[in-house]
Amino acid sequence: YGHRHRNGLAVSLSRAEGCVDDIGNTRMGKRRRMRWSPRGARRVAVTRAAVLDGRLGVSKRAA
């Protein structure tokens, strides 16, 4: 995504959105004993995005 975006090429997010939906549906499912709260799910998503796009560097991550 980053390479295509930086070079002005077309970017399709449908595959990424589908993966996020699958993960969210799995962890937020009503039939699971342990599931994420909406607040917790958002925190995980924001943190993961920060790691992937470089806003959360190695020095800031917990060991």
Protein backbone atom coordinates (compact mmCIF):
# COMPACT_ATOMS: atom_id res chain seq x y z
CA TYR A 1 0.00 0.00 0.00
CA GLY A 2 2.65 2.50 1.05
CA HIS A 3 4.76 2.01 -2.07
CA ARG A 4 1.78 2.36 -4.41
CA HIS A 5 0.42 5.36 -2.51
CA ARG A 6 3.76 7.20 -2.54
CA ASN A 7 4.12 6.60 -6.28
CA GLY A 8 0.62 7.85 -7.09
CA LEU A 9 -0.64 4.43 -8.19
CA ALA A 10 -4.16 3.14 -7.64
CA VAL A 11 -4.74 1.53 -4.27
CA SER A 12 -7.51 -0.95 -3.49
CA LEU A 13 -8.30 -1.45 0.16
CA SER A 14 -10.99 -4.10 -0.31
CA ARG A 15 -8.68 -6.99 0.64
CA ALA A 16 -7.41 -5.15 3.73
CA GLU A 17 -10.93 -4.14 4.74
CA GLY A 18 -12.07 -7.75 4.36
CA CYS A 19 -9.27 -8.96 6.64
CA VAL A 20 -10.11 -6.34 9.24
CA ASP A 21 -13.78 -7.35 9.10
CA ASP A 22 -12.86 -11.02 9.59
CA ILE A 23 -10.64 -10.24 12.58
CA GLY A 24 -13.21 -7.94 14.13
CA ASN A 25 -16.06 -10.37 13.62
CA THR A 26 -14.02 -13.19 15.12
CA ARG A 27 -13.00 -11.28 18.25
CA MET A 28 -16.23 -9.32 18.71
CA GLY A 29 -18.48 -12.35 18.18
CA LYS A 30 -21.25 -12.87 20.68
CA ARG A 31 -20.60 -16.60 21.05
CA ARG A 32 -17.03 -16.22 22.30
CA ARG A 33 -16.26 -16.45 26.00
CA MET A 34 -13.51 -13.85 25.82
CA ARG A 35 -14.14 -11.04 23.39
CA TRP A 36 -12.93 -7.51 22.83
CA SER A 37 -14.88 -4.50 23.94
CA PRO A 38 -15.41 -1.89 21.23
CA ARG A 39 -12.95 0.37 23.08
CA GLY A 40 -10.32 -2.37 23.29
CA ALA A 41 -10.76 -3.33 19.63
CA ARG A 42 -10.24 0.28 18.57
CA ARG A 43 -7.09 0.56 20.68
CA VAL A 44 -5.64 -2.59 19.12
CA ALA A 45 -6.46 -1.34 15.61
CA VAL A 46 -4.95 2.11 16.22
CA THR A 47 -1.80 0.64 17.76
CA ARG A 48 -1.36 -1.87 14.94
CA ALA A 49 -1.80 0.85 12.32
CA ALA A 50 0.81 3.00 14.08
CA VAL A 51 3.29 0.11 14.06
CA LEU A 52 2.69 -0.63 10.38
CA ASP A 53 3.02 2.95 9.15
CA GLY A 54 6.05 3.76 11.32
CA ARG A 55 4.45 6.19 13.78
CA LEU A 56 5.22 3.78 16.63
CA GLY A 57 8.92 3.04 16.37
CA VAL A 58 10.79 0.15 17.94
CA SER A 59 11.99 2.33 20.82
CA LYS A 60 8.40 3.09 21.87
CA ARG A 61 7.17 -0.52 21.86
CA ALA A 62 6.93 -2.58 25.04
CA ALA A 63 9.40 -5.42 25.36
